[in-house]
N, C-alpha and C. Protein backbone atom coordinates (compact mmCIF):
# COMPACT_ATOMS: atom_id res chain seq x y z
N MET A 1 -39.53 56.44 -150.85
CA MET A 1 -38.10 56.75 -151.54
C MET A 1 -38.60 58.00 -152.78
N LEU A 2 -37.55 59.00 -152.75
CA LEU A 2 -37.54 60.48 -153.54
C LEU A 2 -37.23 59.85 -154.87
N LYS A 3 -37.71 60.49 -155.94
CA LYS A 3 -37.24 60.26 -157.44
C LYS A 3 -36.84 61.60 -157.59
N LEU A 4 -35.84 61.89 -158.43
CA LEU A 4 -35.73 63.28 -159.15
C LEU A 4 -36.52 63.17 -160.45
N ALA A 5 -37.22 64.83 -160.49
CA ALA A 5 -37.89 64.61 -161.39
C ALA A 5 -38.18 66.31 -162.05
N PHE A 6 -38.78 66.60 -163.55
CA PHE A 6 -38.54 67.53 -163.81
C PHE A 6 -40.70 67.80 -163.88
N LEU A 7 -40.94 68.63 -163.11
CA LEU A 7 -42.03 69.31 -162.98
C LEU A 7 -42.42 70.15 -164.01
N LEU A 8 -43.61 70.09 -165.12
CA LEU A 8 -44.34 71.20 -165.45
C LEU A 8 -45.29 71.17 -165.79
N LEU A 9 -45.82 72.63 -165.36
CA LEU A 9 -47.78 72.78 -165.64
C LEU A 9 -47.93 73.79 -166.80
N THR A 10 -48.29 73.66 -167.47
CA THR A 10 -49.13 74.05 -168.74
C THR A 10 -50.51 74.12 -168.48
N LEU A 11 -50.62 75.07 -170.05
CA LEU A 11 -52.02 74.79 -169.93
C LEU A 11 -52.71 74.23 -171.25
N ASN A 12 -53.75 73.10 -171.34
CA ASN A 12 -53.87 72.34 -172.05
C ASN A 12 -54.75 72.86 -173.14
N GLU A 13 -55.06 72.62 -174.37
CA GLU A 13 -55.74 72.88 -175.51
C GLU A 13 -57.33 73.37 -174.92
N ALA A 14 -57.75 73.37 -173.59
CA ALA A 14 -59.06 73.67 -173.57
C ALA A 14 -58.64 75.09 -172.48
N GLY A 15 -57.64 75.28 -172.21
CA GLY A 15 -56.98 76.18 -171.08
C GLY A 15 -57.14 76.13 -169.89
N ASP A 16 -56.84 74.72 -169.85
CA ASP A 16 -56.81 74.17 -167.84
C ASP A 16 -55.60 74.14 -167.35
N PRO A 17 -55.07 74.11 -166.42
CA PRO A 17 -53.76 73.85 -165.92
C PRO A 17 -53.50 72.03 -166.20
N ARG A 18 -52.15 71.60 -166.68
CA ARG A 18 -51.87 70.20 -167.43
C ARG A 18 -51.16 69.90 -166.25
N LEU A 19 -50.93 68.76 -165.68
CA LEU A 19 -49.66 68.50 -164.90
C LEU A 19 -49.08 67.69 -165.70
N THR A 20 -47.55 67.66 -165.70
CA THR A 20 -46.64 66.71 -166.71
C THR A 20 -45.30 66.46 -165.14
N VAL A 21 -45.10 65.58 -165.47
CA VAL A 21 -43.87 64.89 -164.11
C VAL A 21 -42.53 63.96 -165.15
N SER A 22 -41.55 64.41 -165.51
CA SER A 22 -40.53 62.96 -166.04
C SER A 22 -39.75 63.42 -165.14
N TYR A 23 -39.54 62.06 -164.97
CA TYR A 23 -38.34 61.46 -164.20
C TYR A 23 -37.05 61.63 -164.60
N THR A 24 -36.09 62.11 -164.04
CA THR A 24 -34.47 61.98 -164.52
C THR A 24 -33.59 61.21 -163.47
N ALA A 25 -32.41 60.90 -163.68
CA ALA A 25 -31.77 59.93 -162.68
C ALA A 25 -30.35 60.88 -162.45
N SER A 26 -30.37 62.35 -162.65
CA SER A 26 -29.73 62.87 -162.02
C SER A 26 -29.96 64.73 -162.22
N MET A 27 -29.58 65.69 -161.49
CA MET A 27 -29.84 67.10 -161.54
C MET A 27 -29.39 67.62 -162.43
N GLU A 28 -28.14 66.93 -163.39
CA GLU A 28 -28.07 67.70 -164.30
C GLU A 28 -29.02 67.00 -165.71
N ASP A 29 -29.30 66.18 -165.92
CA ASP A 29 -30.18 65.10 -166.67
C ASP A 29 -31.64 66.02 -166.75
N CYS A 30 -32.32 66.26 -165.42
CA CYS A 30 -33.36 67.24 -165.55
C CYS A 30 -33.46 68.44 -165.85
N GLU A 31 -32.39 69.18 -165.62
CA GLU A 31 -31.89 70.70 -166.13
C GLU A 31 -31.93 70.02 -167.68
N ALA A 32 -31.38 69.38 -168.14
CA ALA A 32 -31.26 69.51 -169.67
C ALA A 32 -32.44 69.00 -170.19
N LEU A 33 -33.18 67.78 -169.48
CA LEU A 33 -34.58 67.99 -169.77
C LEU A 33 -35.37 69.35 -169.90
N GLY A 34 -35.52 69.74 -168.72
CA GLY A 34 -35.91 70.84 -169.26
C GLY A 34 -35.98 71.99 -169.85
N PHE A 35 -34.61 72.35 -169.77
CA PHE A 35 -34.19 73.25 -171.61
C PHE A 35 -34.72 72.66 -172.81
N THR A 36 -34.79 71.73 -172.62
CA THR A 36 -35.68 70.91 -173.99
C THR A 36 -37.31 70.87 -174.05
N ILE A 37 -37.70 70.78 -173.22
CA ILE A 37 -39.17 70.73 -173.24
C ILE A 37 -39.49 72.26 -173.72
N LEU A 38 -38.84 73.07 -172.44
CA LEU A 38 -38.95 74.60 -172.46
C LEU A 38 -39.03 74.74 -173.87
N GLY A 39 -37.77 74.73 -175.10
CA GLY A 39 -37.27 75.25 -175.81
C GLY A 39 -38.50 74.68 -176.89
N ILE A 40 -39.12 73.59 -176.78
CA ILE A 40 -40.17 73.38 -177.59
C ILE A 40 -41.35 73.50 -177.43
N LEU A 41 -41.95 73.75 -176.40
CA LEU A 41 -43.19 74.51 -176.03
C LEU A 41 -42.85 76.12 -176.03
N ASP A 42 -41.71 76.31 -176.20
CA ASP A 42 -42.06 77.95 -176.27
C ASP A 42 -42.13 78.23 -178.03
N GLY A 43 -41.24 77.23 -178.59
CA GLY A 43 -41.58 77.30 -179.79
C GLY A 43 -43.22 77.33 -180.88
N MET A 44 -43.77 76.52 -179.64
CA MET A 44 -44.92 76.08 -180.45
C MET A 44 -45.98 77.00 -179.28
N GLY A 45 -45.69 78.32 -178.37
CA GLY A 45 -46.61 79.18 -178.31
C GLY A 45 -47.38 78.57 -177.09
N SER A 46 -46.69 77.57 -176.26
CA SER A 46 -47.40 76.56 -175.09
C SER A 46 -47.05 77.96 -174.13
N GLU A 47 -48.51 78.11 -173.19
CA GLU A 47 -48.24 79.08 -171.96
C GLU A 47 -47.89 77.98 -170.67
N ILE A 48 -46.53 78.20 -170.23
CA ILE A 48 -46.16 77.28 -169.35
C ILE A 48 -46.28 78.55 -167.61
N LEU A 49 -46.86 77.69 -167.20
CA LEU A 49 -47.26 78.44 -165.33
C LEU A 49 -46.60 78.05 -164.75
N ALA A 50 -45.81 76.74 -164.46
CA ALA A 50 -44.78 76.77 -163.78
C ALA A 50 -43.27 75.54 -164.25
N GLU A 51 -42.42 75.57 -163.76
CA GLU A 51 -41.72 74.60 -164.25
C GLU A 51 -40.37 74.41 -163.34
N ARG A 52 -39.79 73.28 -162.72
CA ARG A 52 -38.51 73.21 -162.19
C ARG A 52 -38.66 72.00 -161.92
N CYS A 53 -37.16 71.19 -161.79
CA CYS A 53 -36.50 69.85 -161.23
C CYS A 53 -37.11 69.92 -159.68
N GLY A 54 -36.95 68.85 -158.96
CA GLY A 54 -36.99 68.80 -157.61
C GLY A 54 -36.93 67.04 -157.39
N GLU A 55 -37.19 66.84 -156.25
CA GLU A 55 -37.42 65.39 -155.67
C GLU A 55 -39.13 65.29 -154.87
N THR A 56 -39.38 64.13 -155.54
CA THR A 56 -40.71 63.42 -155.41
C THR A 56 -40.98 62.33 -154.78
N PRO A 57 -41.70 61.99 -153.94
CA PRO A 57 -42.17 60.43 -153.67
C PRO A 57 -43.08 59.85 -154.28
N LEU A 58 -43.77 60.57 -155.16
CA LEU A 58 -44.63 60.33 -155.93
C LEU A 58 -44.50 59.60 -157.01
N SER A 59 -45.16 58.22 -157.22
CA SER A 59 -44.59 57.75 -158.59
C SER A 59 -45.80 57.98 -159.58
N LEU A 60 -45.73 58.19 -160.86
CA LEU A 60 -46.67 58.50 -162.10
C LEU A 60 -46.32 57.64 -163.11
N THR A 61 -47.33 57.40 -164.08
CA THR A 61 -47.24 56.15 -165.21
C THR A 61 -46.38 57.06 -165.83
N PRO A 62 -45.63 56.99 -166.99
CA PRO A 62 -45.36 57.54 -168.04
C PRO A 62 -46.34 58.56 -168.92
N PHE A 63 -45.61 59.87 -169.37
CA PHE A 63 -46.39 60.74 -169.97
C PHE A 63 -46.90 59.95 -171.57
N ALA A 64 -47.70 60.30 -171.79
CA ALA A 64 -48.41 59.66 -173.12
C ALA A 64 -48.48 60.61 -174.04
N HIS A 65 -47.48 60.95 -175.34
CA HIS A 65 -47.57 62.46 -175.86
C HIS A 65 -48.81 62.38 -176.95
N GLY A 66 -49.48 63.41 -177.43
CA GLY A 66 -50.39 63.45 -178.06
C GLY A 66 -52.04 63.37 -177.78
N LEU A 67 -51.97 63.18 -176.34
CA LEU A 67 -53.47 62.97 -175.66
C LEU A 67 -53.96 64.15 -175.49
N GLY A 68 -55.27 64.20 -176.00
CA GLY A 68 -56.10 66.00 -175.77
C GLY A 68 -56.43 65.84 -174.47
N PRO A 69 -57.41 66.97 -173.99
CA PRO A 69 -57.86 66.99 -172.37
C PRO A 69 -59.05 66.08 -172.42
N GLU A 70 -59.44 65.57 -173.27
CA GLU A 70 -60.29 64.23 -172.77
C GLU A 70 -59.68 63.03 -171.96
N HIS A 71 -58.52 63.08 -172.27
CA HIS A 71 -57.96 61.70 -171.60
C HIS A 71 -57.13 62.31 -170.33
N GLU A 72 -57.12 63.50 -169.62
CA GLU A 72 -56.52 64.30 -168.95
C GLU A 72 -57.71 63.95 -167.77
N VAL A 73 -57.21 62.76 -167.25
CA VAL A 73 -58.66 62.23 -166.09
C VAL A 73 -58.19 62.30 -164.65
N ASN A 74 -56.67 62.31 -164.20
CA ASN A 74 -56.26 62.30 -163.26
C ASN A 74 -56.30 63.91 -162.68
N ARG A 75 -56.91 63.95 -161.52
CA ARG A 75 -56.29 65.22 -161.29
C ARG A 75 -55.80 65.67 -159.48
N TYR A 76 -54.96 66.64 -159.43
CA TYR A 76 -53.72 66.71 -158.62
C TYR A 76 -53.64 68.15 -158.19
N ARG A 77 -53.43 68.31 -156.97
CA ARG A 77 -53.31 69.92 -156.37
C ARG A 77 -51.65 69.71 -156.10
N VAL A 78 -51.28 70.52 -156.76
CA VAL A 78 -49.78 70.92 -156.74
C VAL A 78 -49.70 72.52 -156.57
N THR A 79 -48.55 72.48 -155.19
CA THR A 79 -48.45 73.33 -154.30
C THR A 79 -46.97 73.46 -154.79
N ILE A 80 -46.52 74.79 -154.71
CA ILE A 80 -44.99 74.96 -155.43
C ILE A 80 -44.42 76.43 -154.56
N PRO A 81 -43.82 75.81 -154.01
CA PRO A 81 -43.25 77.13 -152.76
C PRO A 81 -42.21 78.10 -153.43
N GLN A 82 -42.23 79.22 -153.65
CA GLN A 82 -41.35 80.48 -154.27
C GLN A 82 -40.01 79.37 -154.18
N GLU A 83 -39.17 78.90 -153.19
CA GLU A 83 -37.70 78.97 -153.30
C GLU A 83 -37.41 77.58 -154.02
N ALA A 84 -37.94 76.23 -154.06
CA ALA A 84 -37.68 75.00 -154.30
C ALA A 84 -38.46 74.18 -153.98
N GLY A 85 -38.57 72.86 -154.92
CA GLY A 85 -39.72 71.71 -154.65
C GLY A 85 -40.73 72.05 -155.32
N TRP A 86 -42.10 71.35 -154.54
CA TRP A 86 -43.26 70.87 -154.73
C TRP A 86 -43.60 69.77 -154.09
N VAL A 87 -45.29 69.91 -153.84
CA VAL A 87 -46.01 68.93 -153.11
C VAL A 87 -46.87 68.51 -154.50
N ILE A 88 -47.26 67.72 -154.59
CA ILE A 88 -48.71 67.02 -155.98
C ILE A 88 -49.18 65.95 -154.89
N GLU A 89 -50.46 66.34 -154.95
CA GLU A 89 -51.80 65.61 -154.18
C GLU A 89 -52.35 64.96 -155.14
N PRO A 90 -52.97 63.72 -155.06
CA PRO A 90 -53.55 62.96 -156.09
C PRO A 90 -55.04 64.29 -155.32
N LEU A 91 -55.85 64.20 -156.40
CA LEU A 91 -57.09 64.13 -155.19
C LEU A 91 -58.26 63.22 -155.97
N ALA A 92 -59.27 62.89 -155.05
CA ALA A 92 -60.16 61.78 -155.42
C ALA A 92 -61.32 62.55 -156.24
N ALA A 93 -62.18 61.88 -156.59
CA ALA A 93 -63.14 62.08 -157.34
C ALA A 93 -64.15 62.71 -156.52
N GLY A 94 -64.52 64.05 -156.90
CA GLY A 94 -65.53 65.46 -156.04
C GLY A 94 -64.79 65.92 -155.15
N ALA A 95 -63.43 65.63 -154.86
CA ALA A 95 -62.66 66.46 -153.86
C ALA A 95 -62.29 67.72 -154.47
N VAL A 96 -62.02 68.45 -153.39
CA VAL A 96 -62.06 70.63 -153.98
C VAL A 96 -61.02 70.94 -153.95
N CYS A 97 -60.36 71.34 -154.82
CA CYS A 97 -59.25 71.95 -154.69
C CYS A 97 -58.97 73.66 -155.17
N GLU A 98 -58.60 74.36 -154.54
CA GLU A 98 -59.05 75.75 -154.76
C GLU A 98 -57.85 76.52 -155.03
N PRO A 99 -57.89 76.67 -156.40
CA PRO A 99 -56.33 77.63 -156.99
C PRO A 99 -56.16 78.46 -156.56
N ALA A 100 -54.97 78.70 -156.21
CA ALA A 100 -54.24 80.11 -155.30
C ALA A 100 -53.07 80.15 -156.52
N PRO A 101 -52.87 79.92 -157.35
CA PRO A 101 -51.60 80.75 -158.41
C PRO A 101 -50.67 82.04 -158.04
N GLU A 102 -51.58 82.86 -157.52
CA GLU A 102 -50.76 84.13 -157.08
C GLU A 102 -50.46 84.08 -155.60
N ALA A 103 -50.57 82.94 -154.89
CA ALA A 103 -50.19 82.74 -153.46
C ALA A 103 -48.89 82.47 -153.40
N SER A 104 -48.45 82.63 -151.96
CA SER A 104 -46.91 81.50 -151.76
C SER A 104 -46.93 81.50 -150.59
N PRO A 105 -47.29 79.58 -150.90
CA PRO A 105 -47.00 79.07 -152.13
C PRO A 105 -47.89 78.87 -153.16
N ALA A 106 -47.82 79.26 -154.72
CA ALA A 106 -48.74 78.68 -155.13
C ALA A 106 -49.56 77.62 -155.12
N VAL A 107 -50.56 77.83 -155.44
CA VAL A 107 -51.32 76.31 -155.41
C VAL A 107 -52.06 76.35 -156.89
N TYR A 108 -51.88 74.91 -157.42
CA TYR A 108 -52.53 74.90 -158.68
C TYR A 108 -53.54 73.39 -158.96
N CYS A 109 -54.46 73.81 -159.51
CA CYS A 109 -55.61 72.39 -159.40
C CYS A 109 -55.21 71.60 -160.94
N ALA A 110 -54.88 70.92 -161.22
CA ALA A 110 -54.23 70.16 -162.47
C ALA A 110 -54.99 68.78 -163.01
N THR A 111 -54.92 68.71 -164.68
CA THR A 111 -55.52 67.06 -164.55
C THR A 111 -54.16 66.87 -165.46
N SER A 112 -54.10 65.06 -165.68
CA SER A 112 -53.00 64.69 -166.31
C SER A 112 -53.30 63.54 -166.70
N VAL A 113 -52.64 63.39 -167.82
CA VAL A 113 -52.74 61.60 -168.16
C VAL A 113 -52.06 60.45 -167.28
N GLN A 114 -51.19 61.18 -166.89
CA GLN A 114 -50.14 60.03 -165.78
C GLN A 114 -51.42 59.99 -164.36
N ALA A 115 -51.13 58.48 -163.99
CA ALA A 115 -51.95 58.24 -163.33
C ALA A 115 -50.60 57.65 -161.79
N VAL A 116 -51.16 57.81 -160.41
CA VAL A 116 -50.30 57.28 -159.65
C VAL A 116 -50.19 56.08 -159.59
N ILE A 117 -49.16 55.70 -159.29
CA ILE A 117 -48.82 53.77 -159.27
C ILE A 117 -48.70 53.53 -157.83
N GLU A 118 -49.52 52.91 -157.41
CA GLU A 118 -49.34 52.43 -156.18
C GLU A 118 -48.05 51.62 -155.76
C-alpha cells in the first residue's frame, strides 16, 4: 500500500547524507509539513540536498529528533527523478551504493535513524 510522505535529504553533523521520511494524511499536510521543516532547517543553516512530497510503499519507524550520526545505522539508496517521486531502497550491511547526485535521476547514499518496519 502506498503512503504519502515528505522525503528530506540533508547533511548530518559528519557531512554525510541523512534521510528522513515523515508520513502525512494528505498532499496539503505534506506540503505544510515541508514548508515548516524547511523553514526551521534554513534558519539553522542546514544543507538540504533534496526534498519533496510523494508516495512510497516503504514503512519506516518514526524519526527521532536530536540523535547524532552514531545513531544513523540504517543505510538507504535514494533515487530521485527530476519530475516527481522517489525510490528508497534499504541496503544490507556491506552493500555497495554509488552516489550520483548530479545524474538524472539523482542517486544518494544516505543513512537514517529510521528503520524499515517489516
